[in-house]
Structures are given as C-alpha cells and as structure tokens.
Amino acid sequence: MGGLEKIYKRLFRVYDEEKLFKAYQCYLSTTAVPIAGLLFISSKKIAFCSERSIKVASPQGDLTRVHYKVSIPLCKIKGVNQSMNIKKPSQKYLEVVTVDGFDFWFMGFLSYQKAFNCLEQALNNN
C-alpha cells in the first residue's frame, strides 16, 4: 500500500486523520468516453484520477494536458447502486449518487465485488 499511498497523497489533498483503504483500477464513464484510472477509497472520500492525461482547451484556446480527477467527500454521497449490463452480465457498474443529485458511473473493475464492499464499508463507518 506504500506506493499507492504516495500516489494518492501526491494527487489529492489528504487530511491528517484520513486513512486510505484501497485503490482499484477501473473506468469512469463520461459523456465522451470511459476514462481508465484509479479509484481511491479512503476514510474521508472517494477520489478518481485518470491514468493518462487528457487534452483540454484553456479559455484562451490553448490546449493543455491534465489528469481527469474527481473527489467526492463520503458525507456528500447519498448512495451507491450496483448495476450490470443485461446483455453482458459480466459488465458490472457502480453508480455513486451524491446528495446534490449528481451520479458517477464506475465500471471495468478487476475486483468489482471487493470495490463495492470497500466502498460500502467506508460509507457505513463515516
């Protein structure tokens, strides 16, 4: 966990009492394409960072490369739903719904059930 802990601390703001539980490789569904990356589950939040940087335009029109990041405090998560593709039951999804009505879809987990259980445990202990 030492390597992942260092990566997590480098990518996201981490509080003194915050504990990283686990990180899972997965994809975050976006309106354009699914983005591969790591989903970090901690005692304070879930956080996703893309594996590769993506090109985005600045207000001046310049293209720059940044990592796609999402950070959601556990206290802002209303619920987590499990879902699967009816035509391909092996394709399972985790929907994270926030208290302000946003939803985030994570998919392509190598350890889907472990990721769901870890997230549920983090939410229950929050």
C-alpha atoms as a PDB file:
ATOM      1  CA  MET A   1       0.000   0.000   0.000  1.00  0.00           C
ATOM      2  CA  GLY A   2       3.023   2.279   0.386  1.00  0.00           C
ATOM      3  CA  GLY A   3       3.261   3.077  -3.342  1.00  0.00           C
ATOM      4  CA  LEU A   4      -0.452   3.744  -3.725  1.00  0.00           C
ATOM      5  CA  GLU A   5      -0.463   5.862  -0.574  1.00  0.00           C
ATOM      6  CA  LYS A   6       2.277   8.081  -2.037  1.00  0.00           C
ATOM      7  CA  ILE A   7       0.419   8.406  -5.334  1.00  0.00           C
ATOM      8  CA  TYR A   8      -2.797   9.274  -3.508  1.00  0.00           C
ATOM      9  CA  LYS A   9      -1.098  11.939  -1.390  1.00  0.00           C
ATOM     10  CA  ARG A  10       0.559  13.429  -4.462  1.00  0.00           C
ATOM     11  CA  LEU A  11      -2.713  13.638  -6.415  1.00  0.00           C
ATOM     12  CA  PHE A  12      -5.221  14.696  -3.761  1.00  0.00           C
ATOM     13  CA  ARG A  13      -5.440  16.756  -0.586  1.00  0.00           C
ATOM     14  CA  VAL A  14      -5.205  14.335   2.315  1.00  0.00           C
ATOM     15  CA  TYR A  15      -6.222  15.147   5.885  1.00  0.00           C
ATOM     16  CA  ASP A  16      -4.106  14.123   8.893  1.00  0.00           C
ATOM     17  CA  GLU A  17      -6.688  11.648  10.223  1.00  0.00           C
ATOM     18  CA  GLU A  18      -7.557  10.320   6.750  1.00  0.00           C
ATOM     19  CA  LYS A  19      -6.744   6.687   6.006  1.00  0.00           C
ATOM     20  CA  LEU A  20      -6.520   5.225   2.516  1.00  0.00           C
ATOM     21  CA  PHE A  21      -8.343   1.890   2.491  1.00  0.00           C
ATOM     22  CA  LYS A  22      -7.773   0.673  -1.046  1.00  0.00           C
ATOM     23  CA  ALA A  23      -7.340   1.696  -4.678  1.00  0.00           C
ATOM     24  CA  TYR A  24      -8.964  -0.062  -7.628  1.00  0.00           C
ATOM     25  CA  GLN A  25      -8.288   0.092 -11.330  1.00  0.00           C
ATOM     26  CA  CYS A  26     -11.478   0.922 -13.205  1.00  0.00           C
ATOM     27  CA  TYR A  27     -13.075   3.266 -15.707  1.00  0.00           C
ATOM     28  CA  LEU A  28     -15.136   6.372 -15.055  1.00  0.00           C
ATOM     29  CA  SER A  29     -17.961   6.812 -17.538  1.00  0.00           C
ATOM     30  CA  THR A  30     -18.063  10.273 -19.123  1.00  0.00           C
ATOM     31  CA  THR A  31     -20.261  11.731 -21.836  1.00  0.00           C
ATOM     32  CA  ALA A  32     -17.384  11.321 -24.300  1.00  0.00           C
ATOM     33  CA  VAL A  33     -15.702   8.002 -23.476  1.00  0.00           C
ATOM     34  CA  PRO A  34     -14.918   5.863 -20.428  1.00  0.00           C
ATOM     35  CA  ILE A  35     -11.669   7.029 -18.816  1.00  0.00           C
ATOM     36  CA  ALA A  36      -9.239   4.496 -17.326  1.00  0.00           C
ATOM     37  CA  GLY A  37      -7.766   5.277 -13.938  1.00  0.00           C
ATOM     38  CA  LEU A  38      -7.612   4.542 -10.230  1.00  0.00           C
ATOM     39  CA  LEU A  39     -10.481   4.839  -7.776  1.00  0.00           C
ATOM     40  CA  PHE A  40      -9.168   5.558  -4.287  1.00  0.00           C
ATOM     41  CA  ILE A  41     -11.409   4.802  -1.305  1.00  0.00           C
ATOM     42  CA  SER A  42     -10.442   6.458   1.969  1.00  0.00           C
ATOM     43  CA  SER A  43     -11.978   7.165   5.347  1.00  0.00           C
ATOM     44  CA  LYS A  44     -12.964  10.671   4.125  1.00  0.00           C
ATOM     45  CA  LYS A  45     -13.663  10.460   0.386  1.00  0.00           C
ATOM     46  CA  ILE A  46     -13.580   8.584  -2.862  1.00  0.00           C
ATOM     47  CA  ALA A  47     -11.265  10.007  -5.484  1.00  0.00           C
ATOM     48  CA  PHE A  48     -10.619   9.080  -9.110  1.00  0.00           C
ATOM     49  CA  CYS A  49      -7.647  10.051 -11.241  1.00  0.00           C
ATOM     50  CA  SER A  50      -7.157   9.100 -14.873  1.00  0.00           C
ATOM     51  CA  GLU A  51      -4.149   7.002 -15.827  1.00  0.00           C
ATOM     52  CA  ARG A  52      -3.324   9.280 -18.718  1.00  0.00           C
ATOM     53  CA  SER A  53      -3.647  13.000 -19.126  1.00  0.00           C
ATOM     54  CA  ILE A  54      -6.297  14.380 -21.447  1.00  0.00           C
ATOM     55  CA  LYS A  55      -6.223  17.460 -23.670  1.00  0.00           C
ATOM     56  CA  VAL A  56      -8.411  20.365 -22.617  1.00  0.00           C
ATOM     57  CA  ALA A  57      -8.714  23.847 -24.048  1.00  0.00           C
ATOM     58  CA  SER A  58      -7.976  26.864 -21.876  1.00  0.00           C
ATOM     59  CA  PRO A  59     -10.252  29.925 -22.059  1.00  0.00           C
ATOM     60  CA  GLN A  60      -7.673  31.418 -24.471  1.00  0.00           C
ATOM     61  CA  GLY A  61      -7.979  28.353 -26.739  1.00  0.00           C
ATOM     62  CA  ASP A  62      -4.611  26.823 -25.887  1.00  0.00           C
ATOM     63  CA  LEU A  63      -4.512  23.053 -25.463  1.00  0.00           C
ATOM     64  CA  THR A  64      -3.043  21.709 -22.255  1.00  0.00           C
ATOM     65  CA  ARG A  65      -2.782  18.208 -20.811  1.00  0.00           C
ATOM     66  CA  VAL A  66      -4.265  17.444 -17.372  1.00  0.00           C
ATOM     67  CA  HIS A  67      -5.291  14.369 -15.445  1.00  0.00           C
ATOM     68  CA  TYR A  68      -9.051  13.893 -15.121  1.00  0.00           C
ATOM     69  CA  LYS A  69      -9.828  13.963 -11.390  1.00  0.00           C
ATOM     70  CA  VAL A  70     -12.951  13.540  -9.297  1.00  0.00           C
ATOM     71  CA  SER A  71     -13.079  13.810  -5.499  1.00  0.00           C
ATOM     72  CA  ILE A  72     -16.276  13.202  -3.528  1.00  0.00           C
ATOM     73  CA  PRO A  73     -16.420  13.504   0.268  1.00  0.00           C
ATOM     74  CA  LEU A  74     -18.145  10.477   1.814  1.00  0.00           C
ATOM     75  CA  CYS A  75     -20.561  12.795   3.630  1.00  0.00           C
ATOM     76  CA  LYS A  76     -21.793  14.014   0.213  1.00  0.00           C
ATOM     77  CA  ILE A  77     -22.605  10.505  -1.065  1.00  0.00           C
ATOM     78  CA  LYS A  78     -26.308   9.707  -0.881  1.00  0.00           C
ATOM     79  CA  GLY A  79     -25.944   6.113  -2.027  1.00  0.00           C
ATOM     80  CA  VAL A  80     -24.185   3.507  -4.122  1.00  0.00           C
ATOM     81  CA  ASN A  81     -26.058   1.276  -6.542  1.00  0.00           C
ATOM     82  CA  GLN A  82     -24.883  -1.871  -8.256  1.00  0.00           C
ATOM     83  CA  SER A  83     -25.863  -2.412 -11.861  1.00  0.00           C
ATOM     84  CA  MET A  84     -24.976  -4.721 -14.728  1.00  0.00           C
ATOM     85  CA  ASN A  85     -25.345  -4.865 -18.468  1.00  0.00           C
ATOM     86  CA  ILE A  86     -28.313  -7.172 -19.134  1.00  0.00           C
ATOM     87  CA  LYS A  87     -26.795  -8.374 -22.424  1.00  0.00           C
ATOM     88  CA  LYS A  88     -23.360  -8.891 -20.818  1.00  0.00           C
ATOM     89  CA  PRO A  89     -23.830  -9.742 -17.112  1.00  0.00           C
ATOM     90  CA  SER A  90     -20.054  -9.781 -16.613  1.00  0.00           C
ATOM     91  CA  GLN A  91     -20.072  -5.999 -17.201  1.00  0.00           C
ATOM     92  CA  LYS A  92     -20.922  -4.543 -13.798  1.00  0.00           C
ATOM     93  CA  TYR A  93     -21.195  -0.921 -12.777  1.00  0.00           C
ATOM     94  CA  LEU A  94     -21.114   1.063  -9.544  1.00  0.00           C
ATOM     95  CA  GLU A  95     -23.277   4.176  -9.544  1.00  0.00           C
ATOM     96  CA  VAL A  96     -22.332   6.736  -6.903  1.00  0.00           C
ATOM     97  CA  VAL A  97     -25.142   9.230  -6.271  1.00  0.00           C
ATOM     98  CA  THR A  98     -24.378  12.479  -4.454  1.00  0.00           C
ATOM     99  CA  VAL A  99     -26.702  14.452  -2.175  1.00  0.00           C
ATOM    100  CA  ASP A 100     -26.812  17.249  -4.768  1.00  0.00           C
ATOM    101  CA  GLY A 101     -28.132  14.923  -7.481  1.00  0.00           C
ATOM    102  CA  PHE A 102     -25.015  14.064  -9.477  1.00  0.00           C
ATOM    103  CA  ASP A 103     -24.193  10.496 -10.364  1.00  0.00           C
ATOM    104  CA  PHE A 104     -20.882   8.926 -11.269  1.00  0.00           C
ATOM    105  CA  TRP A 105     -20.611   5.554 -13.008  1.00  0.00           C
ATOM    106  CA  PHE A 106     -17.545   3.389 -12.427  1.00  0.00           C
ATOM    107  CA  MET A 107     -17.004   0.189 -14.419  1.00  0.00           C
ATOM    108  CA  GLY A 108     -14.443  -2.321 -15.622  1.00  0.00           C
ATOM    109  CA  PHE A 109     -13.213  -3.296 -12.158  1.00  0.00           C
ATOM    110  CA  LEU A 110     -10.811  -6.215 -11.879  1.00  0.00           C
ATOM    111  CA  SER A 111     -12.269  -6.818  -8.395  1.00  0.00           C
ATOM    112  CA  TYR A 112     -15.814  -5.473  -8.672  1.00  0.00           C
ATOM    113  CA  GLN A 113     -17.242  -7.068  -5.521  1.00  0.00           C
ATOM    114  CA  LYS A 114     -14.229  -6.106  -3.413  1.00  0.00           C
ATOM    115  CA  ALA A 115     -14.505  -2.500  -4.610  1.00  0.00           C
ATOM    116  CA  PHE A 116     -18.224  -2.396  -3.802  1.00  0.00           C
ATOM    117  CA  ASN A 117     -17.680  -3.929  -0.350  1.00  0.00           C
ATOM    118  CA  CYS A 118     -14.855  -1.499   0.447  1.00  0.00           C
ATOM    119  CA  LEU A 119     -16.981   1.470  -0.611  1.00  0.00           C
ATOM    120  CA  GLU A 120     -19.952   0.255   1.416  1.00  0.00           C
ATOM    121  CA  GLN A 121     -17.743  -0.245   4.460  1.00  0.00           C
ATOM    122  CA  ALA A 122     -16.260   3.261   4.102  1.00  0.00           C
ATOM    123  CA  LEU A 123     -19.755   4.762   3.887  1.00  0.00           C
ATOM    124  CA  ASN A 124     -21.027   2.760   6.867  1.00  0.00           C
ATOM    125  CA  ASN A 125     -18.085   3.867   9.035  1.00  0.00           C
ATOM    126  CA  ASN A 126     -18.482   7.516   8.062  1.00  0.00           C
END
